[in-house]
PDB file of N, CA and C in Angstrom:
ATOM      1  N   MET A   1      89.028 239.023 169.028  1.00  0.00           N
ATOM      2  CA  MET A   1      88.033 239.349 169.384  1.00  0.00           C
ATOM      3  C   MET A   1      87.441 238.675 170.457  1.00  0.00           C
ATOM      4  N   LYS A   2      87.300 237.503 170.369  1.00  0.00           N
ATOM      5  CA  LYS A   2      86.703 236.410 171.251  1.00  0.00           C
ATOM      6  C   LYS A   2      87.594 236.672 172.671  1.00  0.00           C
ATOM      7  N   ILE A   3      88.957 236.829 172.694  1.00  0.00           N
ATOM      8  CA  ILE A   3      89.609 236.872 173.806  1.00  0.00           C
ATOM      9  C   ILE A   3      89.072 238.239 174.611  1.00  0.00           C
ATOM     10  N   MET A   4      88.813 239.182 173.883  1.00  0.00           N
ATOM     11  CA  MET A   4      88.322 240.370 174.408  1.00  0.00           C
ATOM     12  C   MET A   4      87.047 240.290 175.083  1.00  0.00           C
ATOM     13  N   LYS A   5      86.148 239.630 174.383  1.00  0.00           N
ATOM     14  CA  LYS A   5      84.951 239.445 174.923  1.00  0.00           C
ATOM     15  C   LYS A   5      85.059 238.678 176.441  1.00  0.00           C
ATOM     16  N   SER A   6      85.809 237.593 176.388  1.00  0.00           N
ATOM     17  CA  SER A   6      85.986 236.871 177.334  1.00  0.00           C
ATOM     18  C   SER A   6      86.616 237.489 178.623  1.00  0.00           C
ATOM     19  N   ILE A   7      87.536 238.563 178.397  1.00  0.00           N
ATOM     20  CA  ILE A   7      88.235 239.258 179.443  1.00  0.00           C
ATOM     21  C   ILE A   7      87.262 240.395 179.904  1.00  0.00           C
ATOM     22  N   PHE A   8      86.425 240.802 179.005  1.00  0.00           N
ATOM     23  CA  PHE A   8      85.225 241.921 179.392  1.00  0.00           C
ATOM     24  C   PHE A   8      84.263 241.429 180.509  1.00  0.00           C
ATOM     25  N   LYS A   9      83.917 239.768 179.871  1.00  0.00           N
ATOM     26  CA  LYS A   9      83.022 239.180 180.673  1.00  0.00           C
ATOM     27  C   LYS A   9      83.271 238.923 182.187  1.00  0.00           C
ATOM     28  N   LYS A  10      84.838 238.455 182.251  1.00  0.00           N
ATOM     29  CA  LYS A  10      85.375 238.219 183.486  1.00  0.00           C
ATOM     30  C   LYS A  10      85.640 239.456 184.161  1.00  0.00           C
ATOM     31  N   LEU A  11      85.920 240.647 183.727  1.00  0.00           N
ATOM     32  CA  LEU A  11      85.805 241.748 184.464  1.00  0.00           C
ATOM     33  C   LEU A  11      84.690 242.137 185.110  1.00  0.00           C
ATOM     34  N   GLN A  12      83.364 242.149 184.096  1.00  0.00           N
ATOM     35  CA  GLN A  12      82.158 242.334 184.566  1.00  0.00           C
ATOM     36  C   GLN A  12      81.783 241.651 185.743  1.00  0.00           C
ATOM     37  N   LEU A  13      82.053 240.196 185.625  1.00  0.00           N
ATOM     38  CA  LEU A  13      81.752 239.433 186.969  1.00  0.00           C
ATOM     39  C   LEU A  13      82.543 239.649 188.171  1.00  0.00           C
ATOM     40  N   ALA A  14      83.935 240.038 187.861  1.00  0.00           N
ATOM     41  CA  ALA A  14      84.584 240.418 189.021  1.00  0.00           C
ATOM     42  C   ALA A  14      83.972 241.842 189.664  1.00  0.00           C
ATOM     43  N   ILE A  15      83.680 242.689 189.019  1.00  0.00           N
ATOM     44  CA  ILE A  15      82.883 243.956 189.345  1.00  0.00           C
ATOM     45  C   ILE A  15      81.725 243.443 190.064  1.00  0.00           C
ATOM     46  N   LYS A  16      80.890 242.983 189.566  1.00  0.00           N
ATOM     47  CA  LYS A  16      79.429 242.438 190.189  1.00  0.00           C
ATOM     48  C   LYS A  16      79.695 241.660 191.443  1.00  0.00           C
ATOM     49  N   SER A  17      80.657 240.690 191.511  1.00  0.00           N
ATOM     50  CA  SER A  17      80.959 239.854 192.750  1.00  0.00           C
ATOM     51  C   SER A  17      81.422 240.765 193.931  1.00  0.00           C
ATOM     52  N   ARG A  18      82.150 241.944 193.436  1.00  0.00           N
ATOM     53  CA  ARG A  18      82.580 242.446 194.715  1.00  0.00           C
ATOM     54  C   ARG A  18      81.510 243.532 195.096  1.00  0.00           C
ATOM     55  N   ARG A  19      80.651 244.278 194.209  1.00  0.00           N
ATOM     56  CA  ARG A  19      79.765 245.091 194.526  1.00  0.00           C
ATOM     57  C   ARG A  19      78.802 244.377 195.527  1.00  0.00           C
ATOM     58  N   GLU A  20      78.506 243.037 195.150  1.00  0.00           N
ATOM     59  CA  GLU A  20      77.235 242.314 195.887  1.00  0.00           C
ATOM     60  C   GLU A  20      77.975 241.597 197.039  1.00  0.00           C
ATOM     61  N   TYR A  21      79.507 241.725 197.310  1.00  0.00           N
ATOM     62  CA  TYR A  21      80.104 241.254 198.556  1.00  0.00           C
ATOM     63  C   TYR A  21      79.387 241.419 199.827  1.00  0.00           C
ATOM     64  N   ASN A  22      79.016 240.107 200.659  1.00  0.00           N
ATOM     65  CA  ASN A  22      78.391 240.483 201.871  1.00  0.00           C
ATOM     66  C   ASN A  22      79.326 239.320 202.831  1.00  0.00           C
ATOM     67  N   LYS A  23      79.894 240.072 203.917  1.00  0.00           N
ATOM     68  CA  LYS A  23      80.783 239.382 204.602  1.00  0.00           C
ATOM     69  C   LYS A  23      80.095 237.989 205.428  1.00  0.00           C
ATOM     70  N   THR A  24      78.756 238.005 205.397  1.00  0.00           N
ATOM     71  CA  THR A  24      77.981 236.863 205.792  1.00  0.00           C
ATOM     72  C   THR A  24      78.046 235.890 204.847  1.00  0.00           C
ATOM     73  N   LEU A  25      78.580 234.711 205.078  1.00  0.00           N
ATOM     74  CA  LEU A  25      78.642 233.381 203.989  1.00  0.00           C
ATOM     75  C   LEU A  25      77.255 232.851 203.941  1.00  0.00           C
ATOM     76  N   THR A  26      76.570 232.555 202.851  1.00  0.00           N
ATOM     77  CA  THR A  26      75.454 231.712 202.750  1.00  0.00           C
ATOM     78  C   THR A  26      76.018 230.495 203.000  1.00  0.00           C
ATOM     79  N   THR A  27      74.903 229.636 203.075  1.00  0.00           N
ATOM     80  CA  THR A  27      74.988 228.008 203.467  1.00  0.00           C
ATOM     81  C   THR A  27      75.627 227.440 202.109  1.00  0.00           C
ATOM     82  N   LEU A  28      75.232 227.977 200.882  1.00  0.00           N
ATOM     83  CA  LEU A  28      75.754 227.451 199.577  1.00  0.00           C
ATOM     84  C   LEU A  28      77.181 227.890 199.497  1.00  0.00           C
ATOM     85  N   GLN A  29      77.438 229.031 199.852  1.00  0.00           N
ATOM     86  CA  GLN A  29      78.768 229.620 199.607  1.00  0.00           C
ATOM     87  C   GLN A  29      79.973 228.633 200.517  1.00  0.00           C
ATOM     88  N   LYS A  30      79.320 228.383 201.780  1.00  0.00           N
ATOM     89  CA  LYS A  30      80.116 227.768 202.761  1.00  0.00           C
ATOM     90  C   LYS A  30      80.410 226.029 202.066  1.00  0.00           C
ATOM     91  N   LYS A  31      79.450 225.807 201.364  1.00  0.00           N
ATOM     92  CA  LYS A  31      79.531 224.474 200.720  1.00  0.00           C
ATOM     93  C   LYS A  31      80.644 224.499 199.576  1.00  0.00           C
ATOM     94  N   ARG A  32      80.456 225.458 198.659  1.00  0.00           N
ATOM     95  CA  ARG A  32      81.371 225.598 197.637  1.00  0.00           C
ATOM     96  C   ARG A  32      82.533 225.829 198.000  1.00  0.00           C
ATOM     97  N   LEU A  33      83.054 226.760 199.197  1.00  0.00           N
ATOM     98  CA  LEU A  33      84.299 227.021 199.814  1.00  0.00           C
ATOM     99  C   LEU A  33      84.971 225.795 200.286  1.00  0.00           C
ATOM    100  N   SER A  34      84.146 224.799 200.752  1.00  0.00           N
ATOM    101  CA  SER A  34      84.517 223.328 201.363  1.00  0.00           C
ATOM    102  C   SER A  34      84.974 222.614 200.377  1.00  0.00           C
ATOM    103  N   VAL A  35      84.560 222.693 199.053  1.00  0.00           N
ATOM    104  CA  VAL A  35      84.968 221.943 198.113  1.00  0.00           C
ATOM    105  C   VAL A  35      86.395 222.641 197.427  1.00  0.00           C
ATOM    106  N   CYS A  36      86.216 223.686 197.555  1.00  0.00           N
ATOM    107  CA  CYS A  36      87.601 224.641 197.035  1.00  0.00           C
ATOM    108  C   CYS A  36      88.681 224.252 197.952  1.00  0.00           C
ATOM    109  N   GLY A  37      88.224 224.041 199.363  1.00  0.00           N
ATOM    110  CA  GLY A  37      89.438 223.898 200.402  1.00  0.00           C
ATOM    111  C   GLY A  37      90.110 222.890 199.948  1.00  0.00           C
ATOM    112  N   LYS A  38      89.546 221.736 199.241  1.00  0.00           N
ATOM    113  CA  LYS A  38      90.264 220.381 198.994  1.00  0.00           C
ATOM    114  C   LYS A  38      90.604 220.392 197.605  1.00  0.00           C
ATOM    115  N   CYS A  39      90.605 221.263 196.764  1.00  0.00           N
ATOM    116  CA  CYS A  39      90.983 221.336 195.482  1.00  0.00           C
ATOM    117  C   CYS A  39      92.338 221.636 195.010  1.00  0.00           C
ATOM    118  N   PRO A  40      93.152 220.897 194.470  1.00  0.00           N
ATOM    119  CA  PRO A  40      94.481 221.030 193.907  1.00  0.00           C
ATOM    120  C   PRO A  40      94.779 222.259 193.362  1.00  0.00           C
ATOM    121  N   HIS A  41      93.618 223.006 192.741  1.00  0.00           N
ATOM    122  CA  HIS A  41      93.758 224.394 191.974  1.00  0.00           C
ATOM    123  C   HIS A  41      93.451 225.639 192.926  1.00  0.00           C
ATOM    124  N   ASN A  42      93.219 225.291 194.114  1.00  0.00           N
ATOM    125  CA  ASN A  42      93.377 226.384 195.213  1.00  0.00           C
ATOM    126  C   ASN A  42      94.600 226.917 195.542  1.00  0.00           C
ATOM    127  N   SER A  43      95.038 227.963 195.499  1.00  0.00           N
ATOM    128  CA  SER A  43      96.256 228.704 195.806  1.00  0.00           C
ATOM    129  C   SER A  43      96.977 228.175 197.070  1.00  0.00           C
ATOM    130  N   ASP A  44      95.957 228.222 198.062  1.00  0.00           N
ATOM    131  CA  ASP A  44      96.319 227.791 199.289  1.00  0.00           C
ATOM    132  C   ASP A  44      96.903 226.455 199.244  1.00  0.00           C
ATOM    133  N   ASN A  45      96.313 225.512 198.208  1.00  0.00           N
ATOM    134  CA  ASN A  45      96.699 224.121 198.540  1.00  0.00           C
ATOM    135  C   ASN A  45      97.958 223.951 197.526  1.00  0.00           C
ATOM    136  N   LYS A  46      98.678 224.668 196.826  1.00  0.00           N
ATOM    137  CA  LYS A  46      99.675 224.475 196.194  1.00  0.00           C
ATOM    138  C   LYS A  46     100.945 224.672 197.162  1.00  0.00           C
ATOM    139  N   GLU A  47     101.776 223.874 196.928  1.00  0.00           N
ATOM    140  CA  GLU A  47     103.234 223.921 197.451  1.00  0.00           C
ATOM    141  C   GLU A  47     104.101 225.237 196.785  1.00  0.00           C
ATOM    142  N   TYR A  48     103.900 224.950 195.445  1.00  0.00           N
ATOM    143  CA  TYR A  48     104.683 226.094 194.837  1.00  0.00           C
ATOM    144  C   TYR A  48     103.599 226.730 193.726  1.00  0.00           C
ATOM    145  N   LEU A  49     103.707 228.072 194.082  1.00  0.00           N
ATOM    146  CA  LEU A  49     103.182 228.907 192.900  1.00  0.00           C
ATOM    147  C   LEU A  49     103.644 229.257 191.844  1.00  0.00           C
ATOM    148  N   THR A  50     103.070 229.271 190.710  1.00  0.00           N
ATOM    149  CA  THR A  50     104.008 229.395 189.481  1.00  0.00           C
ATOM    150  C   THR A  50     103.785 231.132 189.267  1.00  0.00           C
ATOM    151  N   VAL A  51     104.468 231.581 188.511  1.00  0.00           N
ATOM    152  CA  VAL A  51     104.566 233.046 188.342  1.00  0.00           C
ATOM    153  C   VAL A  51     103.044 233.481 187.823  1.00  0.00           C
ATOM    154  N   LEU A  52     102.604 232.685 186.975  1.00  0.00           N
ATOM    155  CA  LEU A  52     101.035 233.109 186.419  1.00  0.00           C
ATOM    156  C   LEU A  52     100.040 232.968 187.799  1.00  0.00           C
ATOM    157  N   ASP A  53     100.531 231.937 188.754  1.00  0.00           N
ATOM    158  CA  ASP A  53      99.526 231.869 189.996  1.00  0.00           C
ATOM    159  C   ASP A  53      99.724 233.216 190.652  1.00  0.00           C
ATOM    160  N   ARG A  54     100.985 233.414 191.155  1.00  0.00           N
ATOM    161  CA  ARG A  54     101.375 234.645 191.784  1.00  0.00           C
ATOM    162  C   ARG A  54     100.751 236.163 190.999  1.00  0.00           C
ATOM    163  N   LEU A  55     100.713 236.056 189.772  1.00  0.00           N
ATOM    164  CA  LEU A  55     100.109 237.065 189.081  1.00  0.00           C
ATOM    165  C   LEU A  55      98.577 237.240 189.334  1.00  0.00           C
ATOM    166  N   LYS A  56      97.924 236.126 189.246  1.00  0.00           N
ATOM    167  CA  LYS A  56      96.570 236.166 189.500  1.00  0.00           C
ATOM    168  C   LYS A  56      96.219 236.629 191.067  1.00  0.00           C
ATOM    169  N   LEU A  57      97.102 236.217 191.877  1.00  0.00           N
ATOM    170  CA  LEU A  57      96.954 236.694 193.256  1.00  0.00           C
ATOM    171  C   LEU A  57      96.947 238.350 193.452  1.00  0.00           C
ATOM    172  N   LEU A  58      98.188 238.717 192.856  1.00  0.00           N
ATOM    173  CA  LEU A  58      98.337 240.122 192.780  1.00  0.00           C
ATOM    174  C   LEU A  58      97.280 240.711 192.053  1.00  0.00           C
ATOM    175  N   MET A  59      96.778 240.344 190.921  1.00  0.00           N
ATOM    176  CA  MET A  59      95.706 241.054 190.162  1.00  0.00           C
ATOM    177  C   MET A  59      94.392 241.225 191.135  1.00  0.00           C
ATOM    178  N   ASN A  60      94.045 240.073 191.891  1.00  0.00           N
ATOM    179  CA  ASN A  60      93.008 240.192 192.599  1.00  0.00           C
ATOM    180  C   ASN A  60      93.156 241.193 193.826  1.00  0.00           C
ATOM    181  N   ASN A  61      94.331 241.315 194.567  1.00  0.00           N
ATOM    182  CA  ASN A  61      94.532 242.210 195.570  1.00  0.00           C
ATOM    183  C   ASN A  61      94.731 243.412 194.970  1.00  0.00           C
ATOM    184  N   ILE A  62      95.021 243.870 193.926  1.00  0.00           N
ATOM    185  CA  ILE A  62      94.963 245.196 193.382  1.00  0.00           C
ATOM    186  C   ILE A  62      93.718 245.763 193.000  1.00  0.00           C
ATOM    187  N   PHE A  63      92.835 244.522 192.413  1.00  0.00           N
ATOM    188  CA  PHE A  63      91.360 244.970 192.176  1.00  0.00           C
ATOM    189  C   PHE A  63      90.695 245.237 193.400  1.00  0.00           C
ATOM    190  N   ASN A  64      90.960 244.376 194.268  1.00  0.00           N
ATOM    191  CA  ASN A  64      89.973 244.597 195.592  1.00  0.00           C
ATOM    192  C   ASN A  64      90.465 245.992 196.261  1.00  0.00           C
ATOM    193  N   ALA A  65      91.970 246.431 196.044  1.00  0.00           N
ATOM    194  CA  ALA A  65      92.101 247.720 196.709  1.00  0.00           C
ATOM    195  C   ALA A  65      91.309 248.724 195.734  1.00  0.00           C
ATOM    196  N   ILE A  66      91.577 248.828 194.581  1.00  0.00           N
ATOM    197  CA  ILE A  66      90.818 249.618 193.517  1.00  0.00           C
ATOM    198  C   ILE A  66      89.244 249.769 194.023  1.00  0.00           C
ATOM    199  N   MET A  67      88.486 248.660 194.443  1.00  0.00           N
ATOM    200  CA  MET A  67      87.277 248.437 194.610  1.00  0.00           C
ATOM    201  C   MET A  67      86.854 248.711 196.307  1.00  0.00           C
ATOM    202  N   GLY A  68      87.891 248.994 196.941  1.00  0.00           N
ATOM    203  CA  GLY A  68      87.870 249.150 198.575  1.00  0.00           C
ATOM    204  C   GLY A  68      87.283 248.274 199.414  1.00  0.00           C
ATOM    205  N   ILE A  69      87.768 246.976 198.720  1.00  0.00           N
ATOM    206  CA  ILE A  69      87.265 245.785 199.572  1.00  0.00           C
ATOM    207  C   ILE A  69      88.486 244.895 200.175  1.00  0.00           C
ATOM    208  N   TYR A  70      88.501 244.853 201.546  1.00  0.00           N
ATOM    209  CA  TYR A  70      89.831 244.069 202.142  1.00  0.00           C
ATOM    210  C   TYR A  70      89.042 242.919 202.926  1.00  0.00           C
ATOM    211  N   ILE A  71      89.801 241.766 202.410  1.00  0.00           N
ATOM    212  CA  ILE A  71      89.278 240.507 202.778  1.00  0.00           C
ATOM    213  C   ILE A  71      90.744 239.928 203.327  1.00  0.00           C
ATOM    214  N   GLU A  72      90.303 238.883 204.277  1.00  0.00           N
ATOM    215  CA  GLU A  72      91.552 238.231 204.722  1.00  0.00           C
ATOM    216  C   GLU A  72      91.915 237.231 204.145  1.00  0.00           C
ATOM    217  N   GLU A  73      90.607 236.344 203.416  1.00  0.00           N
ATOM    218  CA  GLU A  73      91.035 235.327 202.555  1.00  0.00           C
ATOM    219  C   GLU A  73      91.414 235.599 201.102  1.00  0.00           C
ATOM    220  N   GLU A  74      92.594 235.535 200.773  1.00  0.00           N
ATOM    221  CA  GLU A  74      93.024 235.729 199.570  1.00  0.00           C
ATOM    222  C   GLU A  74      92.957 234.528 198.399  1.00  0.00           C
ATOM    223  N   ALA A  75      92.665 233.367 198.824  1.00  0.00           N
ATOM    224  CA  ALA A  75      92.927 232.238 197.823  1.00  0.00           C
ATOM    225  C   ALA A  75      92.237 232.651 196.497  1.00  0.00           C
ATOM    226  N   VAL A  76      93.022 232.121 195.429  1.00  0.00           N
ATOM    227  CA  VAL A  76      92.319 232.009 194.211  1.00  0.00           C
ATOM    228  C   VAL A  76      92.318 230.714 193.464  1.00  0.00           C
ATOM    229  N   CYS A  77      91.430 230.715 192.627  1.00  0.00           N
ATOM    230  CA  CYS A  77      91.211 229.301 191.641  1.00  0.00           C
ATOM    231  C   CYS A  77      92.512 229.566 190.839  1.00  0.00           C
ATOM    232  N   THR A  78      93.380 228.729 190.618  1.00  0.00           N
ATOM    233  CA  THR A  78      94.602 229.124 189.745  1.00  0.00           C
ATOM    234  C   THR A  78      94.006 228.708 188.262  1.00  0.00           C
ATOM    235  N   LEU A  79      92.880 227.914 188.088  1.00  0.00           N
ATOM    236  CA  LEU A  79      92.531 227.900 186.490  1.00  0.00           C
ATOM    237  C   LEU A  79      92.186 229.120 186.140  1.00  0.00           C
ATOM    238  N   CYS A  80      91.266 229.746 186.617  1.00  0.00           N
ATOM    239  CA  CYS A  80      90.575 230.994 186.110  1.00  0.00           C
ATOM    240  C   CYS A  80      91.087 232.240 186.811  1.00  0.00           C
ATOM    241  N   GLY A  81      91.730 232.290 187.956  1.00  0.00           N
ATOM    242  CA  GLY A  81      92.210 233.433 188.654  1.00  0.00           C
ATOM    243  C   GLY A  81      91.151 234.196 189.460  1.00  0.00           C
ATOM    244  N   CYS A  82      90.086 233.798 189.703  1.00  0.00           N
ATOM    245  CA  CYS A  82      89.025 234.113 190.591  1.00  0.00           C
ATOM    246  C   CYS A  82      89.537 234.014 192.164  1.00  0.00           C
ATOM    247  N   ASN A  83      89.263 235.055 192.771  1.00  0.00           N
ATOM    248  CA  ASN A  83      89.210 235.117 194.295  1.00  0.00           C
ATOM    249  C   ASN A  83      88.074 234.040 194.696  1.00  0.00           C
ATOM    250  N   LEU A  84      88.224 233.218 195.550  1.00  0.00           N
ATOM    251  CA  LEU A  84      87.275 231.840 195.910  1.00  0.00           C
ATOM    252  C   LEU A  84      86.025 232.677 196.711  1.00  0.00           C
ATOM    253  N   ILE A  85      86.506 233.739 197.582  1.00  0.00           N
ATOM    254  CA  ILE A  85      85.419 234.387 198.056  1.00  0.00           C
ATOM    255  C   ILE A  85      84.310 234.940 197.451  1.00  0.00           C
ATOM    256  N   PHE A  86      84.845 235.669 196.411  1.00  0.00           N
ATOM    257  CA  PHE A  86      83.810 236.337 195.637  1.00  0.00           C
ATOM    258  C   PHE A  86      83.323 235.308 194.582  1.00  0.00           C
ATOM    259  N   LYS A  87      84.188 234.407 193.875  1.00  0.00           N
ATOM    260  CA  LYS A  87      83.475 233.428 192.969  1.00  0.00           C
ATOM    261  C   LYS A  87      82.324 232.455 193.604  1.00  0.00           C
ATOM    262  N   SER A  88      82.556 232.045 194.812  1.00  0.00           N
ATOM    263  CA  SER A  88      81.531 231.177 195.602  1.00  0.00           C
ATOM    264  C   SER A  88      80.410 231.888 195.815  1.00  0.00           C
ATOM    265  N   SER A  89      80.075 233.114 195.757  1.00  0.00           N
ATOM    266  CA  SER A  89      78.986 233.916 196.128  1.00  0.00           C
ATOM    267  C   SER A  89      78.066 234.000 195.011  1.00  0.00           C
ATOM    268  N   GLN A  90      78.768 233.804 193.795  1.00  0.00           N
ATOM    269  CA  GLN A  90      77.845 234.062 192.421  1.00  0.00           C
ATOM    270  C   GLN A  90      76.862 233.164 192.277  1.00  0.00           C
ATOM    271  N   GLU A  91      75.716 233.703 191.683  1.00  0.00           N
ATOM    272  CA  GLU A  91      74.654 232.818 191.199  1.00  0.00           C
ATOM    273  C   GLU A  91      74.583 232.621 189.607  1.00  0.00           C
ATOM    274  N   ASP A  92      75.533 233.441 188.988  1.00  0.00           N
ATOM    275  CA  ASP A  92      75.488 233.486 187.372  1.00  0.00           C
ATOM    276  C   ASP A  92      76.261 231.973 187.174  1.00  0.00           C
ATOM    277  N   PRO A  93      75.644 231.365 186.408  1.00  0.00           N
ATOM    278  CA  PRO A  93      76.116 229.968 186.187  1.00  0.00           C
ATOM    279  C   PRO A  93      77.592 229.992 185.293  1.00  0.00           C
ATOM    280  N   SER A  94      77.849 231.214 184.527  1.00  0.00           N
ATOM    281  CA  SER A  94      79.012 231.474 183.920  1.00  0.00           C
ATOM    282  C   SER A  94      80.240 231.731 184.929  1.00  0.00           C
ATOM    283  N   ASN A  95      79.947 231.713 186.091  1.00  0.00           N
ATOM    284  CA  ASN A  95      80.885 232.107 186.952  1.00  0.00           C
ATOM    285  C   ASN A  95      80.981 230.689 187.898  1.00  0.00           C
ATOM    286  N   PHE A  96      80.508 229.579 187.691  1.00  0.00           N
ATOM    287  CA  PHE A  96      80.580 228.498 188.688  1.00  0.00           C
ATOM    288  C   PHE A  96      81.993 227.779 188.309  1.00  0.00           C
ATOM    289  N   CYS A  97      82.202 226.744 189.130  1.00  0.00           N
ATOM    290  CA  CYS A  97      83.571 226.089 189.016  1.00  0.00           C
ATOM    291  C   CYS A  97      83.682 225.664 187.763  1.00  0.00           C
ATOM    292  N   ASP A  98      85.146 225.929 187.180  1.00  0.00           N
ATOM    293  CA  ASP A  98      85.112 225.489 185.858  1.00  0.00           C
ATOM    294  C   ASP A  98      85.433 223.911 185.776  1.00  0.00           C
ATOM    295  N   GLU A  99      85.563 223.359 186.804  1.00  0.00           N
ATOM    296  CA  GLU A  99      85.652 221.832 186.837  1.00  0.00           C
ATOM    297  C   GLU A  99      84.424 221.051 186.989  1.00  0.00           C
ATOM    298  N   GLY A 100      83.437 221.751 187.280  1.00  0.00           N
ATOM    299  CA  GLY A 100      82.030 221.267 187.497  1.00  0.00           C
ATOM    300  C   GLY A 100      81.736 220.610 189.108  1.00  0.00           C
ATOM    301  N   LYS A 101      82.904 221.168 189.824  1.00  0.00           N
ATOM    302  CA  LYS A 101      82.783 220.429 191.351  1.00  0.00           C
ATOM    303  C   LYS A 101      81.853 221.127 192.028  1.00  0.00           C
ATOM    304  N   TRP A 102      81.177 222.258 191.576  1.00  0.00           N
ATOM    305  CA  TRP A 102      79.618 222.531 192.394  1.00  0.00           C
ATOM    306  C   TRP A 102      78.592 222.179 191.973  1.00  0.00           C
ATOM    307  N   ASP A 103      78.627 221.310 190.623  1.00  0.00           N
ATOM    308  CA  ASP A 103      77.502 220.823 190.124  1.00  0.00           C
ATOM    309  C   ASP A 103      76.289 220.320 190.912  1.00  0.00           C
ATOM    310  N   ASN A 104      76.813 219.378 191.906  1.00  0.00           N
ATOM    311  CA  ASN A 104      75.751 218.591 192.797  1.00  0.00           C
ATOM    312  C   ASN A 104      75.506 219.337 194.197  1.00  0.00           C
ATOM    313  N   LEU A 105      75.964 220.477 194.212  1.00  0.00           N
ATOM    314  CA  LEU A 105      75.442 221.136 195.501  1.00  0.00           C
ATOM    315  C   LEU A 105      74.241 221.957 195.608  1.00  0.00           C
TER     316      LEU A 105
END
């Protein structure tokens, strides 16, 4: 039951972040993406992607297509599976960096 609640919450955040998507990045979002740009969990920074990493990328692309959103930046956090463009735009603390790397921004 706890896993289902977690999946449902993640789905809600994914939908919310895409509905609120704005192509103009905020200053905070730019700072967050700068941190993500150096993170080893960023899919763009991994020399080899695992099958699970590739699945997370694929699921994000499918979800974007379903929501009718097309972006050039497809990098995901390989820890949580969130697309970094959308994750970085959220104000909901439950969708912040899982490693606390945004805490001092």
